[in-house]
Protein backbone atom coordinates (compact mmCIF):
# COMPACT_ATOMS: atom_id res chain seq x y z
CA MET A 1 12.05 -6.26 15.91
CA THR A 2 8.26 -5.93 15.96
CA SER A 3 6.24 -5.23 12.84
CA ASN A 4 5.69 -1.59 11.95
CA GLN A 5 2.33 -2.30 10.32
CA PRO A 6 0.16 -1.64 13.42
CA TYR A 7 1.87 1.71 13.88
CA LEU A 8 1.44 2.65 10.22
CA LEU A 9 -2.20 1.53 10.25
CA ARG A 10 -2.95 3.75 13.24
CA ALA A 11 -1.10 6.69 11.69
CA PHE A 12 -2.92 6.41 8.35
CA TYR A 13 -6.27 5.86 10.09
CA GLU A 14 -5.87 8.97 12.25
CA TRP A 15 -4.58 11.04 9.32
CA ILE A 16 -7.58 10.09 7.16
CA VAL A 17 -10.09 10.75 9.97
CA ASP A 18 -8.39 14.04 10.93
CA ASN A 19 -8.89 15.22 7.35
CA ASP A 20 -12.63 14.47 7.53
CA LEU A 21 -12.36 11.60 5.03
CA THR A 22 -13.72 8.06 5.20
CA PRO A 23 -11.12 5.36 5.99
CA TYR A 24 -11.54 2.04 4.19
CA MET A 25 -9.47 -1.09 4.87
CA VAL A 26 -8.91 -3.96 2.47
CA VAL A 27 -8.57 -7.16 4.51
CA ASP A 28 -7.30 -10.61 3.50
CA ALA A 29 -10.31 -12.70 4.49
CA THR A 30 -8.42 -15.96 3.87
CA ASN A 31 -6.35 -15.39 7.01
CA GLU A 32 -7.58 -17.89 9.61
CA LEU A 33 -7.58 -15.24 12.36
CA VAL A 34 -9.90 -12.90 10.43
CA ASP A 35 -13.47 -12.85 11.74
CA VAL A 36 -15.64 -11.02 9.19
CA PRO A 37 -19.00 -11.79 7.51
CA GLN A 38 -18.02 -14.29 4.82
CA GLU A 39 -21.05 -13.48 2.68
CA PHE A 40 -19.46 -10.11 1.85
CA VAL A 41 -16.05 -11.53 0.92
CA LYS A 42 -15.08 -11.26 -2.75
CA ASP A 43 -11.95 -12.89 -4.20
CA GLY A 44 -10.65 -13.60 -0.69
CA GLN A 45 -10.86 -9.93 0.32
CA ILE A 46 -13.31 -7.69 2.08
CA VAL A 47 -13.40 -3.89 2.00
CA LEU A 48 -14.50 -2.36 5.30
CA ASN A 49 -15.65 1.16 6.07
CA VAL A 50 -13.91 1.83 9.40
CA SER A 51 -15.01 5.44 9.87
CA PRO A 52 -16.08 6.46 13.38
CA SER A 53 -19.67 6.87 12.14
CA ALA A 54 -19.76 3.30 10.76
CA CYS A 55 -18.04 1.50 13.66
CA VAL A 56 -18.70 1.07 17.35
CA ASN A 57 -15.98 0.21 19.90
CA PHE A 58 -13.21 0.54 17.31
CA MET A 59 -9.91 -0.69 18.75
CA LEU A 60 -6.60 -0.82 16.90
CA ASP A 61 -3.57 -2.01 18.86
CA LEU A 62 -0.44 -4.09 18.32
CA ASN A 63 -2.43 -7.33 18.44
CA GLY A 64 -5.06 -6.41 15.90
CA ILE A 65 -8.24 -4.56 15.05
CA SER A 66 -11.71 -5.13 16.43
CA PHE A 67 -15.00 -3.27 16.17
CA GLN A 68 -18.72 -3.64 15.69
CA ALA A 69 -20.45 -2.70 12.45
CA ARG A 70 -23.76 -3.32 10.70
CA PHE A 71 -24.02 -5.57 7.66
CA GLY A 72 -27.45 -5.72 6.07
CA GLY A 73 -28.87 -4.04 9.18
CA GLN A 74 -27.50 -6.72 11.49
CA PRO A 75 -24.82 -5.76 14.06
CA ARG A 76 -21.67 -7.87 13.75
CA ARG A 77 -18.45 -8.10 15.75
CA LEU A 78 -15.36 -8.07 13.51
CA SER A 79 -11.76 -8.78 14.40
CA MET A 80 -8.55 -9.31 12.50
CA PRO A 81 -4.80 -9.24 13.04
CA CYS A 82 -3.01 -6.18 11.66
CA GLU A 83 -1.08 -8.45 9.26
CA ALA A 84 -4.36 -9.28 7.49
CA VAL A 85 -4.88 -5.64 6.47
CA MET A 86 -3.69 -5.31 2.90
CA ALA A 87 -4.41 -1.58 2.44
CA ILE A 88 -5.93 1.47 4.09
CA TYR A 89 -7.17 4.42 2.06
CA ALA A 90 -9.56 7.36 2.00
CA ARG A 91 -12.72 6.61 0.00
CA GLU A 92 -12.97 10.15 -1.34
CA ASN A 93 -9.52 10.47 -2.93
CA GLY A 94 -7.74 7.11 -2.60
CA ALA A 95 -4.96 8.53 -0.40
CA GLY A 96 -3.44 5.83 1.77
CA THR A 97 -1.08 2.90 1.50
CA VAL A 98 -0.83 -0.75 0.48
CA PHE A 99 1.03 -3.15 2.78
CA ALA A 100 3.32 -5.95 1.66
CA THR A 101 2.09 -9.47 2.40
CA GLU A 102 4.04 -11.86 4.62
CA GLU A 103 5.02 -13.86 1.52
CA GLU A 104 6.46 -10.75 -0.14
CA MET A 105 8.35 -9.87 3.04
CA ALA A 106 9.77 -13.41 3.30
CA LYS A 107 10.73 -13.37 -0.37
CA ASN A 108 12.58 -10.06 0.04
CA THR A 109 14.56 -11.36 3.02
CA THR A 110 15.56 -14.62 1.28
CA ASP A 111 16.51 -13.08 -2.08
CA PRO A 112 20.22 -12.39 -2.47
CA ALA A 113 21.31 -8.79 -2.48
CA PRO A 114 21.23 -7.19 -5.91
CA SER A 115 24.51 -7.35 -7.75
CA GLN A 116 26.59 -4.29 -8.40
CA PRO A 117 25.76 -2.40 -11.58
CA GLN A 118 27.71 -3.61 -14.57
CA GLY A 119 28.10 -0.19 -16.18
CA PRO A 120 31.34 1.78 -16.37
CA ALA A 121 32.78 2.98 -13.08
CA SER A 122 33.39 6.43 -14.53
CA LEU A 123 32.92 8.30 -17.78
CA ASP A 124 36.57 7.70 -18.63
CA ASP A 125 35.98 3.94 -18.54
CA ASN A 126 33.21 4.16 -21.13
CA ASP A 127 34.30 3.45 -24.69
CA ILE A 128 32.15 5.61 -26.96
CA THR A 129 32.63 3.28 -29.94
CA ASP A 130 30.78 0.51 -28.05
CA ASN A 131 27.61 2.59 -28.06
CA SER A 132 27.40 3.31 -31.78
CA ASP A 133 24.06 1.50 -32.05
CA ALA A 134 22.55 3.34 -29.09
CA PRO A 135 19.83 5.88 -29.92
CA VAL A 136 20.81 9.51 -29.67
CA PRO A 137 18.81 11.29 -26.97
CA PRO A 138 17.11 14.52 -28.05
CA LYS A 139 18.95 17.74 -27.39
CA LYS A 140 18.14 19.25 -24.05
CA GLY A 141 18.47 22.95 -23.78
CA LYS A 142 16.58 26.15 -23.72
CA PRO A 143 13.29 25.84 -25.59
CA THR A 144 12.81 28.09 -28.61
CA LEU A 145 9.78 29.43 -30.45
CA LYS A 146 9.57 29.73 -34.19
CA ILE A 147 7.39 32.42 -35.76
CA ILE A 148 5.32 31.15 -38.67
CA LYS A 149 3.54 33.65 -40.94
């Protein structure tokens, strides 16, 4: 099955632009297929303004993202695979999403399934005397007001 990340990237990009907000992408600049200005990379990442007003020839497809943008007044051609995009969000309010890295995805597929919960199967199976040290939760009910003179 193909990755859903290119589809989600396009959906979030269009949603942000349709709401007249500024889409920003956080890109893993350590990926060997990423072609971005290295002088603007910080901690292995670069944050890119990918709004229609900041980019020329923006293309996002299943293979990756490419566009032209200005850095320090100089036009640059940027390209990257979709897997290198770590997050997409709106600058104005932070709405967007963070994507899992390939390492996280591989870890999740190799980890064994979580074990079944060890708690009682039903309330009847629970021995109340075993929980004598457990804190008593506060009473939940209708709130009341007390008149103080």
